[in-house]
PDB file of N, CA and C in Angstrom:
ATOM      1  N   UNK A   1       6.850  32.403 -75.512  1.00  0.00           N
ATOM      2  CA  UNK A   1       7.729  33.026 -74.542  1.00  0.00           C
ATOM      3  C   UNK A   1       6.953  33.237 -73.239  1.00  0.00           C
ATOM      4  N   UNK A   2       7.589  32.953 -72.138  1.00  0.00           N
ATOM      5  CA  UNK A   2       6.961  33.141 -70.829  1.00  0.00           C
ATOM      6  C   UNK A   2       7.819  34.086 -70.001  1.00  0.00           C
ATOM      7  N   UNK A   3       7.221  34.658 -69.012  1.00  0.00           N
ATOM      8  CA  UNK A   3       7.936  35.568 -68.131  1.00  0.00           C
ATOM      9  C   UNK A   3       7.421  35.410 -66.719  1.00  0.00           C
ATOM     10  N   UNK A   4       7.867  36.283 -65.829  1.00  0.00           N
ATOM     11  CA  UNK A   4       7.406  36.207 -64.448  1.00  0.00           C
ATOM     12  C   UNK A   4       5.924  36.547 -64.339  1.00  0.00           C
ATOM     13  N   UNK A   5       5.268  35.937 -63.367  1.00  0.00           N
ATOM     14  CA  UNK A   5       3.850  36.181 -63.150  1.00  0.00           C
ATOM     15  C   UNK A   5       3.637  37.429 -62.305  1.00  0.00           C
ATOM     16  N   UNK A   6       2.497  38.061 -62.485  1.00  0.00           N
ATOM     17  CA  UNK A   6       2.129  39.270 -61.746  1.00  0.00           C
ATOM     18  C   UNK A   6       2.074  38.983 -60.244  1.00  0.00           C
ATOM     19  N   UNK A   7       1.329  37.960 -59.838  1.00  0.00           N
ATOM     20  CA  UNK A   7       1.209  37.511 -58.449  1.00  0.00           C
ATOM     21  C   UNK A   7       0.580  38.541 -57.507  1.00  0.00           C
ATOM     22  N   UNK A   8      -0.162  39.516 -58.055  1.00  0.00           N
ATOM     23  CA  UNK A   8      -0.870  40.467 -57.193  1.00  0.00           C
ATOM     24  C   UNK A   8      -1.938  39.712 -56.405  1.00  0.00           C
ATOM     25  N   UNK A   9      -2.097  40.056 -55.143  1.00  0.00           N
ATOM     26  CA  UNK A   9      -3.099  39.404 -54.304  1.00  0.00           C
ATOM     27  C   UNK A   9      -4.454  40.079 -54.475  1.00  0.00           C
ATOM     28  N   UNK A  10      -5.514  39.275 -54.420  1.00  0.00           N
ATOM     29  CA  UNK A  10      -6.855  39.834 -54.446  1.00  0.00           C
ATOM     30  C   UNK A  10      -7.087  40.539 -53.123  1.00  0.00           C
ATOM     31  N   UNK A  11      -7.704  41.701 -53.145  1.00  0.00           N
ATOM     32  CA  UNK A  11      -7.873  42.517 -51.947  1.00  0.00           C
ATOM     33  C   UNK A  11      -8.797  41.903 -50.912  1.00  0.00           C
ATOM     34  N   UNK A  12      -9.736  41.016 -51.289  1.00  0.00           N
ATOM     35  CA  UNK A  12     -10.611  40.359 -50.307  1.00  0.00           C
ATOM     36  C   UNK A  12     -10.195  38.922 -50.027  1.00  0.00           C
ATOM     37  N   UNK A  13      -9.500  38.302 -50.955  1.00  0.00           N
ATOM     38  CA  UNK A  13      -9.079  36.903 -50.816  1.00  0.00           C
ATOM     39  C   UNK A  13      -7.566  36.842 -51.015  1.00  0.00           C
ATOM     40  N   UNK A  14      -6.776  37.133 -49.982  1.00  0.00           N
ATOM     41  CA  UNK A  14      -5.324  37.268 -50.130  1.00  0.00           C
ATOM     42  C   UNK A  14      -4.594  35.997 -50.560  1.00  0.00           C
ATOM     43  N   UNK A  15      -5.238  34.830 -50.481  1.00  0.00           N
ATOM     44  CA  UNK A  15      -4.600  33.605 -50.981  1.00  0.00           C
ATOM     45  C   UNK A  15      -4.745  33.486 -52.493  1.00  0.00           C
ATOM     46  N   UNK A  16      -5.568  34.344 -53.095  1.00  0.00           N
ATOM     47  CA  UNK A  16      -5.789  34.350 -54.532  1.00  0.00           C
ATOM     48  C   UNK A  16      -4.743  35.247 -55.184  1.00  0.00           C
ATOM     49  N   UNK A  17      -3.937  34.685 -56.076  1.00  0.00           N
ATOM     50  CA  UNK A  17      -2.861  35.414 -56.733  1.00  0.00           C
ATOM     51  C   UNK A  17      -3.130  35.518 -58.232  1.00  0.00           C
ATOM     52  N   UNK A  18      -2.735  36.643 -58.812  1.00  0.00           N
ATOM     53  CA  UNK A  18      -2.878  36.835 -60.250  1.00  0.00           C
ATOM     54  C   UNK A  18      -1.868  35.958 -60.987  1.00  0.00           C
ATOM     55  N   UNK A  19      -2.336  35.233 -61.991  1.00  0.00           N
ATOM     56  CA  UNK A  19      -1.474  34.349 -62.771  1.00  0.00           C
ATOM     57  C   UNK A  19      -1.200  34.911 -64.171  1.00  0.00           C
ATOM     58  N   UNK A  20      -1.514  36.192 -64.390  1.00  0.00           N
ATOM     59  CA  UNK A  20      -1.169  36.850 -65.652  1.00  0.00           C
ATOM     60  C   UNK A  20       0.312  37.231 -65.612  1.00  0.00           C
ATOM     61  N   UNK A  21       0.876  37.545 -66.773  1.00  0.00           N
ATOM     62  CA  UNK A  21       2.274  37.948 -66.832  1.00  0.00           C
ATOM     63  C   UNK A  21       2.470  39.332 -66.225  1.00  0.00           C
ATOM     64  N   UNK A  22       3.628  39.567 -65.646  1.00  0.00           N
ATOM     65  CA  UNK A  22       3.959  40.862 -65.069  1.00  0.00           C
ATOM     66  C   UNK A  22       3.769  41.960 -66.109  1.00  0.00           C
ATOM     67  N   UNK A  23       3.168  43.078 -65.698  1.00  0.00           N
ATOM     68  CA  UNK A  23       2.978  44.215 -66.580  1.00  0.00           C
ATOM     69  C   UNK A  23       1.684  44.199 -67.359  1.00  0.00           C
ATOM     70  N   UNK A  24       0.867  43.159 -67.205  1.00  0.00           N
ATOM     71  CA  UNK A  24      -0.375  43.051 -67.973  1.00  0.00           C
ATOM     72  C   UNK A  24      -1.345  44.179 -67.674  1.00  0.00           C
ATOM     73  N   UNK A  25      -1.298  44.769 -66.498  1.00  0.00           N
ATOM     74  CA  UNK A  25      -2.279  45.765 -66.080  1.00  0.00           C
ATOM     75  C   UNK A  25      -1.800  47.205 -66.253  1.00  0.00           C
ATOM     76  N   UNK A  26      -0.690  47.409 -66.925  1.00  0.00           N
ATOM     77  CA  UNK A  26      -0.149  48.760 -67.080  1.00  0.00           C
ATOM     78  C   UNK A  26      -1.077  49.666 -67.874  1.00  0.00           C
ATOM     79  N   UNK A  27      -1.816  49.143 -68.813  1.00  0.00           N
ATOM     80  CA  UNK A  27      -2.710  49.970 -69.630  1.00  0.00           C
ATOM     81  C   UNK A  27      -4.096  50.075 -69.008  1.00  0.00           C
ATOM     82  N   UNK A  28      -4.297  49.498 -67.825  1.00  0.00           N
ATOM     83  CA  UNK A  28      -5.593  49.494 -67.145  1.00  0.00           C
ATOM     84  C   UNK A  28      -6.701  48.883 -68.003  1.00  0.00           C
ATOM     85  N   UNK A  29      -6.335  47.997 -68.910  1.00  0.00           N
ATOM     86  CA  UNK A  29      -7.316  47.357 -69.778  1.00  0.00           C
ATOM     87  C   UNK A  29      -7.487  45.877 -69.449  1.00  0.00           C
ATOM     88  N   UNK A  30      -6.478  45.269 -68.889  1.00  0.00           N
ATOM     89  CA  UNK A  30      -6.513  43.841 -68.596  1.00  0.00           C
ATOM     90  C   UNK A  30      -6.564  43.639 -67.090  1.00  0.00           C
ATOM     91  N   UNK A  31      -7.660  43.061 -66.578  1.00  0.00           N
ATOM     92  CA  UNK A  31      -7.751  42.864 -65.127  1.00  0.00           C
ATOM     93  C   UNK A  31      -6.832  41.740 -64.653  1.00  0.00           C
ATOM     94  N   UNK A  32      -6.641  41.680 -63.359  1.00  0.00           N
ATOM     95  CA  UNK A  32      -5.933  40.552 -62.762  1.00  0.00           C
ATOM     96  C   UNK A  32      -6.819  39.320 -62.926  1.00  0.00           C
ATOM     97  N   UNK A  33      -6.226  38.140 -62.946  1.00  0.00           N
ATOM     98  CA  UNK A  33      -6.990  36.905 -63.100  1.00  0.00           C
ATOM     99  C   UNK A  33      -6.228  35.752 -62.454  1.00  0.00           C
ATOM    100  N   UNK A  34      -6.980  34.796 -61.915  1.00  0.00           N
ATOM    101  CA  UNK A  34      -6.349  33.630 -61.319  1.00  0.00           C
ATOM    102  C   UNK A  34      -7.378  32.712 -60.695  1.00  0.00           C
ATOM    103  N   UNK A  35      -6.882  31.693 -60.013  1.00  0.00           N
ATOM    104  CA  UNK A  35      -7.757  30.767 -59.309  1.00  0.00           C
ATOM    105  C   UNK A  35      -8.245  31.421 -58.021  1.00  0.00           C
ATOM    106  N   UNK A  36      -9.519  31.334 -57.749  1.00  0.00           N
ATOM    107  CA  UNK A  36     -10.084  31.866 -56.513  1.00  0.00           C
ATOM    108  C   UNK A  36      -9.828  30.857 -55.404  1.00  0.00           C
ATOM    109  N   UNK A  37      -9.100  31.279 -54.369  1.00  0.00           N
ATOM    110  CA  UNK A  37      -8.769  30.417 -53.232  1.00  0.00           C
ATOM    111  C   UNK A  37      -9.484  30.973 -52.001  1.00  0.00           C
ATOM    112  N   UNK A  38     -10.342  30.151 -51.400  1.00  0.00           N
ATOM    113  CA  UNK A  38     -11.060  30.538 -50.183  1.00  0.00           C
ATOM    114  C   UNK A  38     -10.826  29.445 -49.146  1.00  0.00           C
ATOM    115  N   UNK A  39     -10.332  29.840 -47.977  1.00  0.00           N
ATOM    116  CA  UNK A  39     -10.021  28.897 -46.893  1.00  0.00           C
ATOM    117  C   UNK A  39      -9.137  27.749 -47.377  1.00  0.00           C
ATOM    118  N   UNK A  40      -8.143  28.092 -48.215  1.00  0.00           N
ATOM    119  CA  UNK A  40      -7.186  27.103 -48.684  1.00  0.00           C
ATOM    120  C   UNK A  40      -7.700  26.171 -49.764  1.00  0.00           C
ATOM    121  N   UNK A  41      -8.914  26.413 -50.252  1.00  0.00           N
ATOM    122  CA  UNK A  41      -9.491  25.543 -51.283  1.00  0.00           C
ATOM    123  C   UNK A  41      -9.754  26.317 -52.554  1.00  0.00           C
ATOM    124  N   UNK A  42      -9.517  25.655 -53.674  1.00  0.00           N
ATOM    125  CA  UNK A  42      -9.817  26.240 -54.972  1.00  0.00           C
ATOM    126  C   UNK A  42     -11.328  26.323 -55.139  1.00  0.00           C
ATOM    127  N   UNK A  43     -11.841  27.536 -55.427  1.00  0.00           N
ATOM    128  CA  UNK A  43     -13.286  27.746 -55.520  1.00  0.00           C
ATOM    129  C   UNK A  43     -13.702  28.277 -56.889  1.00  0.00           C
ATOM    130  N   UNK A  44     -12.867  28.099 -57.891  1.00  0.00           N
ATOM    131  CA  UNK A  44     -13.184  28.568 -59.232  1.00  0.00           C
ATOM    132  C   UNK A  44     -12.134  29.549 -59.730  1.00  0.00           C
ATOM    133  N   UNK A  45     -12.514  30.346 -60.720  1.00  0.00           N
ATOM    134  CA  UNK A  45     -11.633  31.351 -61.303  1.00  0.00           C
ATOM    135  C   UNK A  45     -12.219  32.735 -61.045  1.00  0.00           C
ATOM    136  N   UNK A  46     -11.351  33.742 -61.039  1.00  0.00           N
ATOM    137  CA  UNK A  46     -11.811  35.101 -60.764  1.00  0.00           C
ATOM    138  C   UNK A  46     -10.969  36.092 -61.565  1.00  0.00           C
ATOM    139  N   UNK A  47     -11.595  37.177 -61.974  1.00  0.00           N
ATOM    140  CA  UNK A  47     -10.879  38.325 -62.516  1.00  0.00           C
ATOM    141  C   UNK A  47     -11.239  39.520 -61.648  1.00  0.00           C
ATOM    142  N   UNK A  48     -10.288  40.458 -61.494  1.00  0.00           N
ATOM    143  CA  UNK A  48     -10.556  41.610 -60.651  1.00  0.00           C
ATOM    144  C   UNK A  48      -9.662  42.782 -61.019  1.00  0.00           C
ATOM    145  N   UNK A  49     -10.149  43.939 -60.679  1.00  0.00           N
ATOM    146  CA  UNK A  49      -9.374  45.172 -60.744  1.00  0.00           C
ATOM    147  C   UNK A  49      -9.114  45.618 -59.323  1.00  0.00           C
ATOM    148  N   UNK A  50      -8.113  46.436 -59.145  1.00  0.00           N
ATOM    149  CA  UNK A  50      -7.854  46.971 -57.806  1.00  0.00           C
ATOM    150  C   UNK A  50      -9.024  47.853 -57.405  1.00  0.00           C
ATOM    151  N   UNK A  51      -9.423  47.828 -56.140  1.00  0.00           N
ATOM    152  CA  UNK A  51     -10.523  48.703 -55.709  1.00  0.00           C
ATOM    153  C   UNK A  51     -10.111  50.167 -55.838  1.00  0.00           C
ATOM    154  N   UNK A  52     -11.067  51.007 -56.184  1.00  0.00           N
ATOM    155  CA  UNK A  52     -10.781  52.432 -56.310  1.00  0.00           C
ATOM    156  C   UNK A  52     -10.643  53.049 -54.924  1.00  0.00           C
ATOM    157  N   UNK A  53      -9.652  53.913 -54.798  1.00  0.00           N
ATOM    158  CA  UNK A  53      -9.430  54.582 -53.513  1.00  0.00           C
ATOM    159  C   UNK A  53     -10.442  55.701 -53.348  1.00  0.00           C
ATOM    160  N   UNK A  54     -10.956  55.827 -52.142  1.00  0.00           N
ATOM    161  CA  UNK A  54     -11.887  56.914 -51.854  1.00  0.00           C
ATOM    162  C   UNK A  54     -11.140  57.995 -51.077  1.00  0.00           C
ATOM    163  N   UNK A  55     -11.389  59.249 -51.415  1.00  0.00           N
ATOM    164  CA  UNK A  55     -10.646  60.337 -50.730  1.00  0.00           C
ATOM    165  C   UNK A  55     -11.056  60.497 -49.276  1.00  0.00           C
TER     166      UNK A  55
END
């Protein structure tokens, strides 16, 4: 079974989109993951969590 993709953008590389299924990060256990895109070119794979907010 497949569903919609998360598609969250990486905070430093906005062309990099998460290719995990929507809702994967609700338990804060599974990071975002996808192809790393830099200057329009595929540069490998990456996993990431959202950066922590500083007060």
